[in-house]
Amino acid sequence: MDSIADWKHTFAIEIKSTIEAEQNLSKNTRDYLALRGNDGCRGAVFYLGDLTLSINGIDYVSWKDWGNYPMK
């Protein structure tokens, strides 16, 4: 995991320099979220692919959408 951000919500964020949205990219974020329990913290992977999507509850945010990602 690369960063923890507290805006209106807490986010565990990973930043990856790949174009493939693979579940293993969020392993550290998923591990961190599991340690926190169900406290509302959200996970996100910012990557260089073209699609923004969700894989097993983790948002994979395309480089095209970084500026529009809803941090709320």
C-alpha atoms as a PDB file:
ATOM      1  CA  MET A   1       0.000   0.000   0.000  1.00  0.00           C
ATOM      2  CA  ASP A   2       1.357   3.390  -0.924  1.00  0.00           C
ATOM      3  CA  SER A   3      -0.767   5.885   0.980  1.00  0.00           C
ATOM      4  CA  ILE A   4      -3.550   6.413   3.486  1.00  0.00           C
ATOM      5  CA  ALA A   5      -5.717   9.436   2.755  1.00  0.00           C
ATOM      6  CA  ASP A   6      -8.329  11.025   4.997  1.00  0.00           C
ATOM      7  CA  TRP A   7     -10.731  13.298   3.171  1.00  0.00           C
ATOM      8  CA  LYS A   8     -14.418  12.924   3.891  1.00  0.00           C
ATOM      9  CA  HIS A   9     -13.657   9.199   3.957  1.00  0.00           C
ATOM     10  CA  THR A  10     -10.529   7.145   4.685  1.00  0.00           C
ATOM     11  CA  PHE A  11      -8.865   5.569   1.654  1.00  0.00           C
ATOM     12  CA  ALA A  12      -6.080   3.019   1.372  1.00  0.00           C
ATOM     13  CA  ILE A  13      -4.417   3.794  -1.965  1.00  0.00           C
ATOM     14  CA  GLU A  14      -1.970   1.923  -4.156  1.00  0.00           C
ATOM     15  CA  ILE A  15      -0.364   3.517  -7.203  1.00  0.00           C
ATOM     16  CA  LYS A  16       0.774   1.190  -9.976  1.00  0.00           C
ATOM     17  CA  SER A  17       2.623   1.767 -13.242  1.00  0.00           C
ATOM     18  CA  THR A  18       0.853  -0.984 -15.166  1.00  0.00           C
ATOM     19  CA  ILE A  19      -1.938  -0.956 -17.743  1.00  0.00           C
ATOM     20  CA  GLU A  20      -3.477  -4.239 -16.518  1.00  0.00           C
ATOM     21  CA  ALA A  21      -6.175  -4.212 -13.817  1.00  0.00           C
ATOM     22  CA  GLU A  22      -5.299  -7.407 -11.980  1.00  0.00           C
ATOM     23  CA  GLN A  23      -6.623  -8.438  -8.574  1.00  0.00           C
ATOM     24  CA  ASN A  24      -3.093  -8.998  -7.236  1.00  0.00           C
ATOM     25  CA  LEU A  25      -2.348  -5.268  -7.601  1.00  0.00           C
ATOM     26  CA  SER A  26      -4.492  -4.577  -4.551  1.00  0.00           C
ATOM     27  CA  LYS A  27      -3.165  -7.328  -2.264  1.00  0.00           C
ATOM     28  CA  ASN A  28      -1.605  -4.939   0.255  1.00  0.00           C
ATOM     29  CA  THR A  29      -4.683  -2.717   0.261  1.00  0.00           C
ATOM     30  CA  ARG A  30      -6.982  -5.704   0.835  1.00  0.00           C
ATOM     31  CA  ASP A  31      -4.744  -6.922   3.671  1.00  0.00           C
ATOM     32  CA  TYR A  32      -4.840  -3.462   5.276  1.00  0.00           C
ATOM     33  CA  LEU A  33      -8.615  -3.209   4.959  1.00  0.00           C
ATOM     34  CA  ALA A  34      -8.982  -6.661   6.551  1.00  0.00           C
ATOM     35  CA  LEU A  35      -6.900  -5.515   9.525  1.00  0.00           C
ATOM     36  CA  ARG A  36      -9.113  -2.455   9.984  1.00  0.00           C
ATOM     37  CA  GLY A  37     -12.281  -4.506   9.949  1.00  0.00           C
ATOM     38  CA  ASN A  38     -15.543  -3.027   8.762  1.00  0.00           C
ATOM     39  CA  ASP A  39     -14.896   0.605   9.699  1.00  0.00           C
ATOM     40  CA  GLY A  40     -15.788   2.154   6.330  1.00  0.00           C
ATOM     41  CA  CYS A  41     -12.253   2.562   4.971  1.00  0.00           C
ATOM     42  CA  ARG A  42     -12.216   2.195   1.179  1.00  0.00           C
ATOM     43  CA  GLY A  43      -9.496   0.882  -1.101  1.00  0.00           C
ATOM     44  CA  ALA A  44      -8.355   2.176  -4.463  1.00  0.00           C
ATOM     45  CA  VAL A  45      -5.655   1.313  -6.992  1.00  0.00           C
ATOM     46  CA  PHE A  46      -4.634   4.147  -9.295  1.00  0.00           C
ATOM     47  CA  TYR A  47      -3.120   2.631 -12.441  1.00  0.00           C
ATOM     48  CA  LEU A  48      -2.272   3.395 -16.071  1.00  0.00           C
ATOM     49  CA  GLY A  49      -5.042   1.357 -17.702  1.00  0.00           C
ATOM     50  CA  ASP A  50      -7.948   2.822 -19.663  1.00  0.00           C
ATOM     51  CA  LEU A  51     -10.865   1.430 -17.619  1.00  0.00           C
ATOM     52  CA  THR A  52     -12.114   2.430 -14.186  1.00  0.00           C
ATOM     53  CA  LEU A  53     -13.751  -0.549 -12.505  1.00  0.00           C
ATOM     54  CA  SER A  54     -14.195  -2.398  -9.232  1.00  0.00           C
ATOM     55  CA  ILE A  55     -12.639  -5.787  -8.465  1.00  0.00           C
ATOM     56  CA  ASN A  56     -13.721  -7.456  -5.218  1.00  0.00           C
ATOM     57  CA  GLY A  57     -14.651  -4.153  -3.598  1.00  0.00           C
ATOM     58  CA  ILE A  58     -11.470  -2.299  -4.577  1.00  0.00           C
ATOM     59  CA  ASP A  59     -11.763   0.573  -7.074  1.00  0.00           C
ATOM     60  CA  TYR A  60      -9.264   0.418  -9.932  1.00  0.00           C
ATOM     61  CA  VAL A  61      -9.044   3.983 -11.184  1.00  0.00           C
ATOM     62  CA  SER A  62      -7.805   4.654 -14.715  1.00  0.00           C
ATOM     63  CA  TRP A  63      -5.295   7.431 -15.290  1.00  0.00           C
ATOM     64  CA  LYS A  64      -8.061   9.118 -17.298  1.00  0.00           C
ATOM     65  CA  ASP A  65     -10.246   9.393 -14.187  1.00  0.00           C
ATOM     66  CA  TRP A  66      -7.705  10.297 -11.488  1.00  0.00           C
ATOM     67  CA  GLY A  67      -8.911  13.891 -11.287  1.00  0.00           C
ATOM     68  CA  ASN A  68     -12.570  12.876 -11.178  1.00  0.00           C
ATOM     69  CA  TYR A  69     -12.374  10.060  -8.640  1.00  0.00           C
ATOM     70  CA  PRO A  70     -15.034  10.711  -5.980  1.00  0.00           C
ATOM     71  CA  MET A  71     -13.141  11.049  -2.706  1.00  0.00           C
ATOM     72  CA  LYS A  72     -16.302  11.124  -0.609  1.00  0.00           C
END
